[in-house]
Amino acid sequence: MATTIEKMEEKLPRNGNGKAALPAMPNEIDELVARATQALAAFEGCSQEQVDAMVKAMALAGVSRRLELARMAVGARRHCEARCSECWI
């Protein structure tokens, strides 16, 4: 039986070597990579205690907004169930 991820991957278009061909979004990808590189540089200068405090703050922020995040996830799922051309998952 195929997993959910395998089912999603089956719907993706394939390139010449049979691998899933994901849509190219170079500007967005370049921006995300640049931001991740900046974040890595900032984290490298942090102590373990500082990293622990940041991770705790992120976790608490997620918990405090859990209902909003759940509603967003449900809305995205309903949107994707329509199999619109905007979504590729």
N, C-alpha and C. Protein backbone atom coordinates (compact mmCIF):
# COMPACT_ATOMS: atom_id res chain seq x y z
N MET A 1 0.85 -1.18 0.00
CA MET A 1 0.00 0.00 0.00
C MET A 1 0.89 1.24 0.00
N ALA A 2 0.59 2.18 -0.87
CA ALA A 2 1.40 3.39 -0.99
C ALA A 2 1.12 4.34 0.16
N THR A 3 2.18 5.00 0.62
CA THR A 3 2.03 6.01 1.67
C THR A 3 1.47 7.29 1.06
N THR A 4 1.08 8.21 1.90
CA THR A 4 0.54 9.48 1.43
C THR A 4 1.56 10.21 0.57
N ILE A 5 2.81 10.22 1.01
CA ILE A 5 3.86 10.90 0.25
C ILE A 5 4.05 10.23 -1.11
N GLU A 6 4.04 8.91 -1.14
CA GLU A 6 4.19 8.20 -2.42
C GLU A 6 3.03 8.52 -3.36
N LYS A 7 1.83 8.63 -2.81
CA LYS A 7 0.68 8.98 -3.64
C LYS A 7 0.83 10.39 -4.21
N MET A 8 1.32 11.33 -3.38
CA MET A 8 1.53 12.69 -3.85
C MET A 8 2.61 12.72 -4.92
N GLU A 9 3.69 11.96 -4.72
CA GLU A 9 4.78 11.94 -5.69
C GLU A 9 4.33 11.36 -7.02
N GLU A 10 3.39 10.43 -7.00
CA GLU A 10 2.89 9.83 -8.23
C GLU A 10 2.21 10.86 -9.13
N LYS A 11 1.66 11.90 -8.53
CA LYS A 11 0.94 12.93 -9.28
C LYS A 11 1.86 13.95 -9.94
N LEU A 12 3.13 13.98 -9.53
CA LEU A 12 4.06 14.97 -10.07
C LEU A 12 4.50 14.60 -11.47
N PRO A 13 4.72 15.60 -12.33
CA PRO A 13 5.27 15.32 -13.65
C PRO A 13 6.69 14.77 -13.52
N ARG A 14 7.13 14.01 -14.49
CA ARG A 14 8.45 13.38 -14.48
C ARG A 14 9.36 14.01 -15.52
N ASN A 15 10.66 14.06 -15.19
CA ASN A 15 11.63 14.54 -16.17
C ASN A 15 12.22 13.34 -16.91
N GLY A 16 13.23 13.55 -17.72
CA GLY A 16 13.80 12.51 -18.56
C GLY A 16 14.33 11.29 -17.83
N ASN A 17 14.82 11.46 -16.61
CA ASN A 17 15.37 10.33 -15.87
C ASN A 17 14.36 9.69 -14.92
N GLY A 18 13.10 10.06 -15.04
CA GLY A 18 12.06 9.44 -14.24
C GLY A 18 11.84 10.05 -12.87
N LYS A 19 12.65 11.05 -12.51
CA LYS A 19 12.48 11.70 -11.21
C LYS A 19 11.41 12.79 -11.32
N ALA A 20 10.80 13.10 -10.17
CA ALA A 20 9.77 14.13 -10.14
C ALA A 20 10.35 15.47 -10.56
N ALA A 21 9.69 16.14 -11.48
CA ALA A 21 10.12 17.45 -11.95
C ALA A 21 9.33 18.51 -11.19
N LEU A 22 9.96 19.15 -10.25
CA LEU A 22 9.29 20.17 -9.46
C LEU A 22 9.34 21.51 -10.20
N PRO A 23 8.33 22.33 -10.02
CA PRO A 23 8.33 23.63 -10.70
C PRO A 23 9.47 24.50 -10.22
N ALA A 24 10.07 25.20 -11.14
CA ALA A 24 11.20 26.08 -10.79
C ALA A 24 10.68 27.43 -10.33
N MET A 25 11.20 27.88 -9.22
CA MET A 25 10.88 29.20 -8.69
C MET A 25 12.19 29.83 -8.26
N PRO A 26 13.08 30.13 -9.22
CA PRO A 26 14.44 30.53 -8.87
C PRO A 26 14.54 31.75 -7.96
N ASN A 27 13.74 32.77 -8.19
CA ASN A 27 13.83 33.97 -7.35
C ASN A 27 13.48 33.65 -5.91
N GLU A 28 12.40 32.93 -5.71
CA GLU A 28 11.97 32.58 -4.36
C GLU A 28 12.98 31.65 -3.69
N ILE A 29 13.48 30.68 -4.43
CA ILE A 29 14.47 29.74 -3.89
C ILE A 29 15.75 30.47 -3.53
N ASP A 30 16.22 31.34 -4.42
CA ASP A 30 17.45 32.10 -4.14
C ASP A 30 17.29 32.95 -2.88
N GLU A 31 16.12 33.56 -2.73
CA GLU A 31 15.86 34.39 -1.55
C GLU A 31 15.86 33.53 -0.27
N LEU A 32 15.21 32.37 -0.33
CA LEU A 32 15.17 31.48 0.84
C LEU A 32 16.57 30.98 1.21
N VAL A 33 17.37 30.64 0.21
CA VAL A 33 18.73 30.17 0.47
C VAL A 33 19.56 31.29 1.09
N ALA A 34 19.43 32.50 0.58
CA ALA A 34 20.17 33.64 1.13
C ALA A 34 19.78 33.90 2.58
N ARG A 35 18.48 33.83 2.87
CA ARG A 35 18.02 34.03 4.25
C ARG A 35 18.50 32.91 5.16
N ALA A 36 18.49 31.69 4.67
CA ALA A 36 18.96 30.56 5.47
C ALA A 36 20.45 30.68 5.76
N THR A 37 21.21 31.16 4.78
CA THR A 37 22.65 31.36 4.98
C THR A 37 22.90 32.42 6.04
N GLN A 38 22.13 33.50 6.01
CA GLN A 38 22.25 34.54 7.04
C GLN A 38 21.88 33.99 8.41
N ALA A 39 20.83 33.19 8.47
CA ALA A 39 20.42 32.61 9.75
C ALA A 39 21.49 31.67 10.29
N LEU A 40 22.10 30.88 9.42
CA LEU A 40 23.17 29.98 9.84
C LEU A 40 24.33 30.76 10.42
N ALA A 41 24.71 31.85 9.75
CA ALA A 41 25.81 32.67 10.25
C ALA A 41 25.48 33.24 11.63
N ALA A 42 24.22 33.64 11.82
CA ALA A 42 23.81 34.19 13.12
C ALA A 42 23.84 33.10 14.19
N PHE A 43 23.37 31.90 13.86
CA PHE A 43 23.34 30.80 14.82
C PHE A 43 24.74 30.33 15.20
N GLU A 44 25.68 30.40 14.27
CA GLU A 44 27.04 29.93 14.55
C GLU A 44 27.69 30.70 15.69
N GLY A 45 27.28 31.94 15.89
CA GLY A 45 27.85 32.75 16.95
C GLY A 45 27.13 32.62 18.29
N CYS A 46 26.11 31.76 18.35
CA CYS A 46 25.31 31.63 19.57
C CYS A 46 25.82 30.51 20.46
N SER A 47 25.63 30.70 21.75
CA SER A 47 25.95 29.63 22.70
C SER A 47 24.81 28.62 22.69
N GLN A 48 25.04 27.45 23.28
CA GLN A 48 23.99 26.44 23.35
C GLN A 48 22.78 26.96 24.13
N GLU A 49 23.03 27.73 25.17
CA GLU A 49 21.93 28.29 25.95
C GLU A 49 21.08 29.25 25.12
N GLN A 50 21.73 30.04 24.26
CA GLN A 50 20.99 30.96 23.40
C GLN A 50 20.16 30.19 22.38
N VAL A 51 20.75 29.14 21.81
CA VAL A 51 20.01 28.32 20.85
C VAL A 51 18.82 27.66 21.54
N ASP A 52 19.03 27.13 22.73
CA ASP A 52 17.93 26.51 23.49
C ASP A 52 16.80 27.50 23.72
N ALA A 53 17.15 28.74 24.08
CA ALA A 53 16.14 29.77 24.34
C ALA A 53 15.37 30.10 23.06
N MET A 54 16.05 30.16 21.91
CA MET A 54 15.38 30.46 20.64
C MET A 54 14.44 29.33 20.25
N VAL A 55 14.90 28.10 20.40
CA VAL A 55 14.06 26.95 20.05
C VAL A 55 12.83 26.91 20.95
N LYS A 56 13.02 27.18 22.22
CA LYS A 56 11.88 27.21 23.15
C LYS A 56 10.89 28.30 22.75
N ALA A 57 11.40 29.48 22.40
CA ALA A 57 10.51 30.58 21.99
C ALA A 57 9.74 30.21 20.72
N MET A 58 10.39 29.54 19.77
CA MET A 58 9.70 29.12 18.55
C MET A 58 8.61 28.10 18.86
N ALA A 59 8.94 27.14 19.74
CA ALA A 59 7.96 26.13 20.11
C ALA A 59 6.75 26.76 20.80
N LEU A 60 7.00 27.68 21.72
CA LEU A 60 5.91 28.35 22.43
C LEU A 60 5.06 29.20 21.48
N ALA A 61 5.71 29.82 20.50
CA ALA A 61 4.96 30.61 19.51
C ALA A 61 4.04 29.70 18.70
N GLY A 62 4.53 28.52 18.34
CA GLY A 62 3.70 27.56 17.62
C GLY A 62 2.53 27.09 18.44
N VAL A 63 2.79 26.82 19.71
CA VAL A 63 1.73 26.37 20.61
C VAL A 63 0.68 27.46 20.79
N SER A 64 1.11 28.69 20.95
CA SER A 64 0.16 29.78 21.18
C SER A 64 -0.69 30.07 19.95
N ARG A 65 -0.22 29.69 18.77
CA ARG A 65 -0.98 29.94 17.53
C ARG A 65 -1.48 28.65 16.90
N ARG A 66 -1.60 27.60 17.71
CA ARG A 66 -1.94 26.28 17.20
C ARG A 66 -3.28 26.24 16.47
N LEU A 67 -4.27 26.95 16.94
CA LEU A 67 -5.57 26.93 16.27
C LEU A 67 -5.50 27.60 14.91
N GLU A 68 -4.82 28.73 14.86
CA GLU A 68 -4.65 29.43 13.58
C GLU A 68 -3.88 28.55 12.59
N LEU A 69 -2.83 27.90 13.05
CA LEU A 69 -2.04 27.02 12.18
C LEU A 69 -2.86 25.83 11.71
N ALA A 70 -3.68 25.27 12.59
CA ALA A 70 -4.54 24.15 12.22
C ALA A 70 -5.56 24.57 11.16
N ARG A 71 -6.14 25.75 11.34
CA ARG A 71 -7.11 26.24 10.35
C ARG A 71 -6.44 26.47 9.00
N MET A 72 -5.20 26.98 9.03
CA MET A 72 -4.47 27.18 7.77
C MET A 72 -4.20 25.84 7.09
N ALA A 73 -3.84 24.83 7.87
CA ALA A 73 -3.56 23.51 7.30
C ALA A 73 -4.81 22.90 6.69
N VAL A 74 -5.94 23.02 7.37
CA VAL A 74 -7.19 22.49 6.84
C VAL A 74 -7.58 23.24 5.58
N GLY A 75 -7.43 24.56 5.59
CA GLY A 75 -7.76 25.34 4.40
C GLY A 75 -6.88 24.96 3.22
N ALA A 76 -5.60 24.73 3.47
CA ALA A 76 -4.69 24.34 2.39
C ALA A 76 -5.07 22.97 1.86
N ARG A 77 -5.46 22.08 2.75
CA ARG A 77 -5.85 20.73 2.31
C ARG A 77 -7.10 20.81 1.43
N ARG A 78 -8.08 21.59 1.86
CA ARG A 78 -9.30 21.72 1.05
C ARG A 78 -8.98 22.32 -0.30
N HIS A 79 -8.08 23.30 -0.31
CA HIS A 79 -7.68 23.94 -1.56
C HIS A 79 -7.02 22.91 -2.49
N CYS A 80 -6.16 22.09 -1.94
CA CYS A 80 -5.43 21.13 -2.76
C CYS A 80 -6.31 19.96 -3.19
N GLU A 81 -7.36 19.67 -2.45
CA GLU A 81 -8.25 18.58 -2.85
C GLU A 81 -8.93 18.89 -4.17
N ALA A 82 -9.02 20.17 -4.50
CA ALA A 82 -9.61 20.56 -5.78
C ALA A 82 -8.64 20.28 -6.93
N ARG A 83 -7.40 19.89 -6.59
CA ARG A 83 -6.37 19.57 -7.57
C ARG A 83 -6.16 20.73 -8.56
N CYS A 84 -6.07 21.91 -8.00
CA CYS A 84 -5.91 23.09 -8.83
C CYS A 84 -4.49 23.14 -9.43
N SER A 85 -4.33 23.93 -10.44
CA SER A 85 -3.04 24.04 -11.10
C SER A 85 -2.01 24.79 -10.27
N GLU A 86 -2.45 25.52 -9.23
CA GLU A 86 -1.50 26.24 -8.37
C GLU A 86 -0.75 25.30 -7.46
N CYS A 87 -1.32 24.16 -7.15
CA CYS A 87 -0.72 23.24 -6.18
C CYS A 87 -0.08 22.06 -6.90
N TRP A 88 1.03 21.62 -6.38
CA TRP A 88 1.70 20.47 -6.99
C TRP A 88 2.03 19.42 -5.95
N ILE A 89 1.38 19.49 -4.78
CA ILE A 89 1.58 18.44 -3.79
C ILE A 89 0.36 17.56 -3.73
